[in-house]
Amino acid sequence: MLPHPTAASLGTAAVALWVLTVPTTLAPGCSSTLEPPSGDPALDLVHADPRLRSRAARAAVDLERMDLIPSLIERLGDRDEAVRFFCSLALRRLSGEDFGFLPHGTLIERQQAIARWRRWADARRIDAPAAGTTPPASPGVAPRPPANATAAER
């Protein structure tokens, strides 16, 4: 029969549990900071908090920030898989292109897809914006039609 746990043994068990779980919950790419978002998707795409980088990718789509395509392409190399996922979705929504990027793919597969994205952006001369500036029109990339647009308007 197991002995009844005492306060001292419960304390030891709690410390052992903490030692075993904290390193995995604080693994690289899963950290967050107390630094607030800037409100500028261009700045928040490089924020220390991966949650804010992911939200910035969504904001780039919501604001139709075609000028952020180069920054989104760079974030495809992010160490956080969720950030890579949201940036790949944002790129697909903004450009209508895919290039086979898989956020969970091997490093080599991701690098090859990132190279395809970079070649595509370079061919269209899409340059990264200066943070905090008004987004310029992106040559060679048509803005997405409104959701309620008819087939003839697309």
N, C-alpha and C. Protein backbone atom coordinates (compact mmCIF):
# COMPACT_ATOMS: atom_id res chain seq x y z
N MET A 1 0.83 -1.17 0.00
CA MET A 1 0.00 0.00 0.00
C MET A 1 0.89 1.25 0.00
N LEU A 2 0.48 2.26 -0.78
CA LEU A 2 1.26 3.50 -0.87
C LEU A 2 1.04 4.35 0.38
N PRO A 3 2.11 5.01 0.85
CA PRO A 3 1.95 5.87 2.02
C PRO A 3 1.12 7.11 1.67
N HIS A 4 0.44 7.64 2.67
CA HIS A 4 -0.36 8.84 2.51
C HIS A 4 0.58 10.01 2.19
N PRO A 5 0.26 10.85 1.13
CA PRO A 5 1.17 11.95 0.81
C PRO A 5 1.19 13.00 1.90
N THR A 6 2.37 13.51 2.17
CA THR A 6 2.52 14.58 3.15
C THR A 6 2.72 15.89 2.41
N ALA A 7 2.66 16.99 3.11
CA ALA A 7 2.88 18.30 2.50
C ALA A 7 4.27 18.37 1.87
N ALA A 8 5.27 17.79 2.53
CA ALA A 8 6.63 17.84 2.00
C ALA A 8 6.72 17.04 0.69
N SER A 9 6.08 15.86 0.65
CA SER A 9 6.17 15.06 -0.57
C SER A 9 5.37 15.70 -1.71
N LEU A 10 4.27 16.37 -1.38
CA LEU A 10 3.50 17.08 -2.42
C LEU A 10 4.32 18.23 -2.98
N GLY A 11 5.07 18.92 -2.13
CA GLY A 11 5.92 20.00 -2.60
C GLY A 11 6.99 19.49 -3.54
N THR A 12 7.57 18.36 -3.22
CA THR A 12 8.60 17.77 -4.08
C THR A 12 7.98 17.34 -5.40
N ALA A 13 6.80 16.77 -5.36
CA ALA A 13 6.12 16.34 -6.59
C ALA A 13 5.79 17.55 -7.46
N ALA A 14 5.35 18.64 -6.83
CA ALA A 14 5.02 19.85 -7.60
C ALA A 14 6.26 20.42 -8.27
N VAL A 15 7.38 20.43 -7.56
CA VAL A 15 8.62 20.93 -8.14
C VAL A 15 9.06 20.02 -9.28
N ALA A 16 8.95 18.71 -9.10
CA ALA A 16 9.34 17.77 -10.16
C ALA A 16 8.48 17.98 -11.40
N LEU A 17 7.18 18.17 -11.21
CA LEU A 17 6.28 18.41 -12.33
C LEU A 17 6.65 19.71 -13.04
N TRP A 18 6.95 20.75 -12.28
CA TRP A 18 7.34 22.03 -12.87
C TRP A 18 8.62 21.89 -13.68
N VAL A 19 9.60 21.19 -13.14
CA VAL A 19 10.88 21.01 -13.83
C VAL A 19 10.68 20.24 -15.13
N LEU A 20 9.75 19.29 -15.13
CA LEU A 20 9.52 18.49 -16.34
C LEU A 20 8.71 19.21 -17.40
N THR A 21 7.80 20.10 -17.00
CA THR A 21 6.90 20.71 -17.99
C THR A 21 7.31 22.11 -18.43
N VAL A 22 7.93 22.90 -17.59
CA VAL A 22 8.24 24.27 -17.96
C VAL A 22 9.19 24.36 -19.15
N PRO A 23 10.24 23.55 -19.23
CA PRO A 23 11.10 23.68 -20.42
C PRO A 23 10.35 23.43 -21.74
N THR A 24 9.34 22.56 -21.74
CA THR A 24 8.61 22.32 -22.98
C THR A 24 7.61 23.43 -23.27
N THR A 25 7.07 24.06 -22.25
CA THR A 25 6.12 25.13 -22.51
C THR A 25 6.82 26.44 -22.85
N LEU A 26 8.08 26.55 -22.50
CA LEU A 26 8.84 27.75 -22.82
C LEU A 26 9.85 27.49 -23.93
N ALA A 27 9.55 26.51 -24.76
CA ALA A 27 10.45 26.17 -25.86
C ALA A 27 10.56 27.33 -26.84
N PRO A 28 11.67 27.40 -27.59
CA PRO A 28 11.81 28.48 -28.58
C PRO A 28 10.63 28.51 -29.53
N GLY A 29 10.15 29.72 -29.83
CA GLY A 29 9.03 29.87 -30.73
C GLY A 29 7.70 29.93 -30.00
N CYS A 30 7.70 29.59 -28.73
CA CYS A 30 6.46 29.58 -27.97
C CYS A 30 6.44 30.69 -26.93
N SER A 31 7.38 31.57 -27.00
CA SER A 31 7.47 32.61 -25.99
C SER A 31 6.55 33.77 -26.33
N SER A 32 6.28 34.57 -25.34
CA SER A 32 5.52 35.79 -25.56
C SER A 32 6.16 36.87 -24.70
N THR A 33 5.80 38.10 -24.98
CA THR A 33 6.36 39.21 -24.22
C THR A 33 5.22 40.06 -23.70
N LEU A 34 5.57 40.98 -22.86
CA LEU A 34 4.58 41.94 -22.37
C LEU A 34 4.54 43.17 -23.26
N GLU A 35 5.40 43.22 -24.26
CA GLU A 35 5.44 44.36 -25.17
C GLU A 35 4.15 44.40 -25.99
N PRO A 36 3.43 45.52 -25.97
CA PRO A 36 2.15 45.59 -26.68
C PRO A 36 2.35 45.66 -28.19
N PRO A 37 1.32 45.32 -28.95
CA PRO A 37 1.42 45.45 -30.41
C PRO A 37 1.52 46.92 -30.79
N SER A 38 2.16 47.18 -31.92
CA SER A 38 2.33 48.56 -32.37
C SER A 38 1.09 49.07 -33.10
N GLY A 39 0.30 48.15 -33.64
CA GLY A 39 -0.85 48.54 -34.45
C GLY A 39 -0.48 48.65 -35.93
N ASP A 40 0.80 48.59 -36.25
CA ASP A 40 1.27 48.63 -37.63
C ASP A 40 1.66 47.20 -38.01
N PRO A 41 0.95 46.57 -38.96
CA PRO A 41 1.28 45.18 -39.32
C PRO A 41 2.73 45.02 -39.76
N ALA A 42 3.32 46.03 -40.39
CA ALA A 42 4.71 45.93 -40.82
C ALA A 42 5.64 45.77 -39.62
N LEU A 43 5.36 46.49 -38.55
CA LEU A 43 6.17 46.38 -37.33
C LEU A 43 5.84 45.10 -36.57
N ASP A 44 4.56 44.76 -36.50
CA ASP A 44 4.15 43.60 -35.72
C ASP A 44 4.57 42.28 -36.36
N LEU A 45 4.86 42.28 -37.66
CA LEU A 45 5.36 41.05 -38.30
C LEU A 45 6.73 40.65 -37.76
N VAL A 46 7.44 41.58 -37.13
CA VAL A 46 8.75 41.26 -36.55
C VAL A 46 8.73 41.38 -35.02
N HIS A 47 7.55 41.41 -34.44
CA HIS A 47 7.39 41.50 -32.98
C HIS A 47 7.98 40.26 -32.32
N ALA A 48 8.41 40.38 -31.09
CA ALA A 48 8.98 39.25 -30.35
C ALA A 48 7.93 38.16 -30.06
N ASP A 49 6.67 38.54 -29.96
CA ASP A 49 5.60 37.60 -29.61
C ASP A 49 5.05 36.95 -30.88
N PRO A 50 5.16 35.62 -31.00
CA PRO A 50 4.66 34.96 -32.21
C PRO A 50 3.15 35.14 -32.42
N ARG A 51 2.41 35.31 -31.33
CA ARG A 51 0.96 35.54 -31.49
C ARG A 51 0.70 36.85 -32.22
N LEU A 52 1.50 37.86 -31.93
CA LEU A 52 1.33 39.15 -32.60
C LEU A 52 1.82 39.10 -34.04
N ARG A 53 2.85 38.29 -34.30
CA ARG A 53 3.29 38.12 -35.69
C ARG A 53 2.19 37.44 -36.50
N SER A 54 1.52 36.45 -35.91
CA SER A 54 0.41 35.78 -36.59
C SER A 54 -0.74 36.74 -36.84
N ARG A 55 -1.07 37.54 -35.85
CA ARG A 55 -2.15 38.52 -36.02
C ARG A 55 -1.82 39.56 -37.07
N ALA A 56 -0.54 39.93 -37.16
CA ALA A 56 -0.12 40.90 -38.17
C ALA A 56 -0.32 40.34 -39.57
N ALA A 57 -0.10 39.04 -39.74
CA ALA A 57 -0.34 38.41 -41.04
C ALA A 57 -1.82 38.51 -41.40
N ARG A 58 -2.67 38.28 -40.43
CA ARG A 58 -4.12 38.40 -40.67
C ARG A 58 -4.49 39.85 -40.98
N ALA A 59 -3.90 40.78 -40.26
CA ALA A 59 -4.18 42.20 -40.50
C ALA A 59 -3.73 42.61 -41.90
N ALA A 60 -2.63 42.04 -42.38
CA ALA A 60 -2.16 42.36 -43.73
C ALA A 60 -3.22 42.00 -44.76
N VAL A 61 -3.91 40.89 -44.55
CA VAL A 61 -4.99 40.48 -45.46
C VAL A 61 -6.19 41.40 -45.29
N ASP A 62 -6.59 41.61 -44.04
CA ASP A 62 -7.77 42.45 -43.78
C ASP A 62 -7.62 43.85 -44.35
N LEU A 63 -6.40 44.39 -44.30
CA LEU A 63 -6.13 45.74 -44.79
C LEU A 63 -5.67 45.76 -46.25
N GLU A 64 -5.62 44.56 -46.86
CA GLU A 64 -5.17 44.41 -48.25
C GLU A 64 -3.81 45.06 -48.48
N ARG A 65 -2.88 44.78 -47.57
CA ARG A 65 -1.54 45.37 -47.61
C ARG A 65 -0.63 44.56 -48.53
N MET A 66 -0.78 44.76 -49.81
CA MET A 66 0.04 44.08 -50.81
C MET A 66 1.53 44.42 -50.61
N ASP A 67 1.80 45.59 -50.06
CA ASP A 67 3.17 46.01 -49.84
C ASP A 67 3.87 45.16 -48.78
N LEU A 68 3.11 44.38 -48.02
CA LEU A 68 3.71 43.54 -46.98
C LEU A 68 4.07 42.15 -47.50
N ILE A 69 3.83 41.89 -48.77
CA ILE A 69 4.15 40.57 -49.33
C ILE A 69 5.61 40.20 -49.07
N PRO A 70 6.60 41.07 -49.32
CA PRO A 70 7.99 40.67 -49.01
C PRO A 70 8.22 40.33 -47.54
N SER A 71 7.59 41.07 -46.65
CA SER A 71 7.74 40.79 -45.22
C SER A 71 7.08 39.46 -44.86
N LEU A 72 5.93 39.19 -45.46
CA LEU A 72 5.25 37.90 -45.23
C LEU A 72 6.11 36.75 -45.76
N ILE A 73 6.74 36.96 -46.90
CA ILE A 73 7.63 35.93 -47.45
C ILE A 73 8.77 35.66 -46.48
N GLU A 74 9.35 36.71 -45.92
CA GLU A 74 10.44 36.53 -44.95
C GLU A 74 9.97 35.76 -43.72
N ARG A 75 8.74 36.02 -43.29
CA ARG A 75 8.21 35.35 -42.10
C ARG A 75 7.91 33.87 -42.36
N LEU A 76 7.91 33.44 -43.62
CA LEU A 76 7.75 32.01 -43.91
C LEU A 76 8.91 31.22 -43.30
N GLY A 77 10.00 31.90 -43.01
CA GLY A 77 11.15 31.27 -42.36
C GLY A 77 11.13 31.41 -40.85
N ASP A 78 10.02 31.86 -40.28
CA ASP A 78 9.91 32.06 -38.84
C ASP A 78 10.13 30.74 -38.10
N ARG A 79 10.67 30.81 -36.89
CA ARG A 79 10.89 29.59 -36.11
C ARG A 79 9.58 29.03 -35.57
N ASP A 80 8.52 29.84 -35.53
CA ASP A 80 7.23 29.41 -35.01
C ASP A 80 6.35 28.90 -36.15
N GLU A 81 5.92 27.66 -36.06
CA GLU A 81 5.13 27.05 -37.13
C GLU A 81 3.80 27.77 -37.34
N ALA A 82 3.18 28.26 -36.28
CA ALA A 82 1.90 28.98 -36.42
C ALA A 82 2.10 30.27 -37.22
N VAL A 83 3.20 30.96 -36.98
CA VAL A 83 3.49 32.19 -37.73
C VAL A 83 3.68 31.84 -39.20
N ARG A 84 4.43 30.77 -39.47
CA ARG A 84 4.62 30.34 -40.86
C ARG A 84 3.28 30.02 -41.51
N PHE A 85 2.40 29.34 -40.77
CA PHE A 85 1.08 28.97 -41.28
C PHE A 85 0.27 30.21 -41.65
N PHE A 86 0.16 31.17 -40.72
CA PHE A 86 -0.65 32.36 -40.98
C PHE A 86 -0.05 33.23 -42.09
N CYS A 87 1.26 33.29 -42.17
CA CYS A 87 1.88 34.06 -43.25
C CYS A 87 1.65 33.39 -44.60
N SER A 88 1.68 32.07 -44.65
CA SER A 88 1.41 31.39 -45.92
C SER A 88 -0.03 31.60 -46.35
N LEU A 89 -0.96 31.57 -45.39
CA LEU A 89 -2.36 31.85 -45.72
C LEU A 89 -2.51 33.28 -46.23
N ALA A 90 -1.86 34.22 -45.55
CA ALA A 90 -1.95 35.62 -45.96
C ALA A 90 -1.42 35.80 -47.37
N LEU A 91 -0.29 35.18 -47.68
CA LEU A 91 0.28 35.30 -49.01
C LEU A 91 -0.66 34.74 -50.07
N ARG A 92 -1.27 33.60 -49.78
CA ARG A 92 -2.22 33.02 -50.74
C ARG A 92 -3.42 33.93 -50.96
N ARG A 93 -3.93 34.51 -49.88
CA ARG A 93 -5.11 35.39 -50.00
C ARG A 93 -4.76 36.68 -50.74
N LEU A 94 -3.60 37.24 -50.47
CA LEU A 94 -3.22 38.51 -51.11
C LEU A 94 -2.83 38.34 -52.58
N SER A 95 -2.18 37.22 -52.90
CA SER A 95 -1.62 37.07 -54.24
C SER A 95 -2.39 36.11 -55.14
N GLY A 96 -3.13 35.20 -54.55
CA GLY A 96 -3.78 34.16 -55.34
C GLY A 96 -2.82 33.06 -55.75
N GLU A 97 -1.59 33.11 -55.25
CA GLU A 97 -0.56 32.11 -55.57
C GLU A 97 -0.35 31.18 -54.38
N ASP A 98 0.36 30.06 -54.61
CA ASP A 98 0.60 29.10 -53.54
C ASP A 98 2.07 28.71 -53.43
N PHE A 99 2.67 28.20 -54.46
CA PHE A 99 4.07 27.80 -54.53
C PHE A 99 4.44 26.65 -53.61
N GLY A 100 3.46 25.91 -53.12
CA GLY A 100 3.71 24.68 -52.39
C GLY A 100 4.36 24.81 -51.02
N PHE A 101 4.22 25.97 -50.39
CA PHE A 101 4.82 26.13 -49.06
C PHE A 101 4.00 25.35 -48.03
N LEU A 102 4.69 24.53 -47.24
CA LEU A 102 4.06 23.79 -46.14
C LEU A 102 4.71 24.22 -44.84
N PRO A 103 3.97 24.87 -43.94
CA PRO A 103 4.56 25.36 -42.70
C PRO A 103 5.22 24.27 -41.86
N HIS A 104 4.74 23.04 -42.01
CA HIS A 104 5.27 21.92 -41.24
C HIS A 104 6.26 21.09 -42.06
N GLY A 105 6.58 21.54 -43.27
CA GLY A 105 7.52 20.81 -44.12
C GLY A 105 8.93 20.82 -43.55
N THR A 106 9.79 20.05 -44.19
CA THR A 106 11.19 20.04 -43.76
C THR A 106 11.81 21.40 -44.06
N LEU A 107 12.94 21.66 -43.45
CA LEU A 107 13.62 22.93 -43.67
C LEU A 107 13.94 23.12 -45.15
N ILE A 108 14.40 22.08 -45.81
CA ILE A 108 14.74 22.19 -47.23
C ILE A 108 13.50 22.47 -48.07
N GLU A 109 12.40 21.78 -47.79
CA GLU A 109 11.15 22.02 -48.53
C GLU A 109 10.68 23.46 -48.34
N ARG A 110 10.77 23.95 -47.10
CA ARG A 110 10.34 25.32 -46.83
C ARG A 110 11.25 26.32 -47.54
N GLN A 111 12.56 26.08 -47.51
CA GLN A 111 13.50 26.99 -48.17
C GLN A 111 13.26 27.04 -49.68
N GLN A 112 12.95 25.90 -50.28
CA GLN A 112 12.68 25.87 -51.72
C GLN A 112 11.42 26.66 -52.05
N ALA A 113 10.38 26.51 -51.25
CA ALA A 113 9.14 27.25 -51.49
C ALA A 113 9.35 28.75 -51.25
N ILE A 114 10.13 29.10 -50.24
CA ILE A 114 10.43 30.51 -49.98
C ILE A 114 11.18 31.11 -51.17
N ALA A 115 12.10 30.35 -51.74
CA ALA A 115 12.83 30.82 -52.92
C ALA A 115 11.87 31.06 -54.08
N ARG A 116 10.87 30.20 -54.25
CA ARG A 116 9.87 30.41 -55.32
C ARG A 116 9.06 31.67 -55.06
N TRP A 117 8.68 31.91 -53.80
CA TRP A 117 7.96 33.13 -53.45
C TRP A 117 8.82 34.36 -53.74
N ARG A 118 10.10 34.31 -53.39
CA ARG A 118 10.98 35.46 -53.61
C ARG A 118 11.14 35.75 -55.09
N ARG A 119 11.31 34.70 -55.90
CA ARG A 119 11.42 34.91 -57.35
C ARG A 119 10.15 35.54 -57.90
N TRP A 120 9.01 35.08 -57.42
CA TRP A 120 7.73 35.62 -57.87
C TRP A 120 7.64 37.11 -57.52
N ALA A 121 7.97 37.47 -56.27
CA ALA A 121 7.90 38.88 -55.83
C ALA A 121 8.92 39.73 -56.59
N ASP A 122 10.12 39.20 -56.79
CA ASP A 122 11.14 39.94 -57.53
C ASP A 122 10.70 40.21 -58.96
N ALA A 123 10.06 39.22 -59.58
CA ALA A 123 9.61 39.38 -60.97
C ALA A 123 8.54 40.47 -61.07
N ARG A 124 7.84 40.71 -59.99
CA ARG A 124 6.79 41.74 -59.97
C ARG A 124 7.26 43.03 -59.32
N ARG A 125 8.53 43.05 -58.93
CA ARG A 125 9.14 44.22 -58.29
C ARG A 125 8.35 44.71 -57.08
N ILE A 126 7.98 43.77 -56.25
CA ILE A 126 7.26 44.09 -55.01
C ILE A 126 8.32 44.31 -53.94
N ASP A 127 8.44 45.54 -53.49
CA ASP A 127 9.45 45.89 -52.49
C ASP A 127 8.82 45.99 -51.12
N ALA A 128 9.62 45.71 -50.11
CA ALA A 128 9.15 45.82 -48.72
C ALA A 128 8.97 47.30 -48.36
N PRO A 129 7.93 47.61 -47.58
CA PRO A 129 7.70 49.00 -47.18
C PRO A 129 8.57 49.38 -46.00
N ALA A 130 8.75 50.65 -45.82
CA ALA A 130 9.36 51.14 -44.58
C ALA A 130 8.27 51.10 -43.53
N ALA A 131 8.60 50.63 -42.34
CA ALA A 131 7.61 50.51 -41.27
C ALA A 131 6.99 51.87 -40.96
N GLY A 132 5.68 51.88 -40.81
CA GLY A 132 4.97 53.09 -40.44
C GLY A 132 4.67 54.01 -41.61
N THR A 133 4.94 53.57 -42.83
CA THR A 133 4.66 54.42 -43.99
C THR A 133 3.36 54.01 -44.65
N THR A 134 2.82 54.89 -45.43
CA THR A 134 1.60 54.59 -46.18
C THR A 134 1.95 53.59 -47.27
N PRO A 135 1.18 52.51 -47.40
CA PRO A 135 1.53 51.50 -48.37
C PRO A 135 1.38 52.00 -49.80
N PRO A 136 2.43 51.81 -50.63
CA PRO A 136 2.32 52.20 -52.03
C PRO A 136 1.53 51.16 -52.80
N ALA A 137 1.08 51.53 -53.99
CA ALA A 137 0.44 50.56 -54.87
C ALA A 137 1.49 49.55 -55.29
N SER A 138 1.13 48.30 -55.33
CA SER A 138 2.08 47.25 -55.69
C SER A 138 1.96 46.94 -57.17
N PRO A 139 3.00 47.28 -57.98
CA PRO A 139 2.92 47.01 -59.41
C PRO A 139 2.93 45.52 -59.69
N GLY A 140 2.14 45.13 -60.67
CA GLY A 140 2.12 43.75 -61.11
C GLY A 140 1.25 42.84 -60.29
N VAL A 141 0.66 43.34 -59.22
CA VAL A 141 -0.21 42.51 -58.41
C VAL A 141 -1.54 43.22 -58.28
N ALA A 142 -2.56 42.61 -58.86
CA ALA A 142 -3.88 43.21 -58.80
C ALA A 142 -4.47 43.00 -57.41
N PRO A 143 -5.15 44.00 -56.88
CA PRO A 143 -5.78 43.81 -55.58
C PRO A 143 -6.90 42.78 -55.70
N ARG A 144 -7.19 42.13 -54.58
CA ARG A 144 -8.27 41.15 -54.58
C ARG A 144 -9.58 41.85 -54.85
N PRO A 145 -10.46 41.22 -55.66
CA PRO A 145 -11.78 41.83 -55.87
C PRO A 145 -12.60 41.71 -54.59
N PRO A 146 -13.56 42.60 -54.40
CA PRO A 146 -14.42 42.50 -53.22
C PRO A 146 -15.14 41.16 -53.21
N ALA A 147 -15.48 40.68 -52.02
CA ALA A 147 -16.14 39.39 -51.89
C ALA A 147 -17.47 39.34 -52.63
N ASN A 148 -18.12 40.48 -52.76
CA ASN A 148 -19.42 40.50 -53.42
C ASN A 148 -19.31 40.81 -54.92
N ALA A 149 -18.12 40.80 -55.48
CA ALA A 149 -17.93 41.11 -56.90
C ALA A 149 -18.48 39.98 -57.76
N THR A 150 -19.04 40.32 -58.89
CA THR A 150 -19.56 39.31 -59.81
C THR A 150 -18.39 38.73 -60.58
N ALA A 151 -18.64 37.63 -61.28
CA ALA A 151 -17.58 36.98 -62.05
C ALA A 151 -17.04 37.93 -63.11
N ALA A 152 -17.88 38.76 -63.72
CA ALA A 152 -17.43 39.70 -64.75
C ALA A 152 -16.52 40.78 -64.16
N GLU A 153 -16.75 41.15 -62.89
CA GLU A 153 -15.94 42.19 -62.25
C GLU A 153 -14.59 41.64 -61.79
N ARG A 154 -14.48 40.35 -61.67
CA ARG A 154 -13.22 39.73 -61.22
C ARG A 154 -12.33 39.63 -62.39
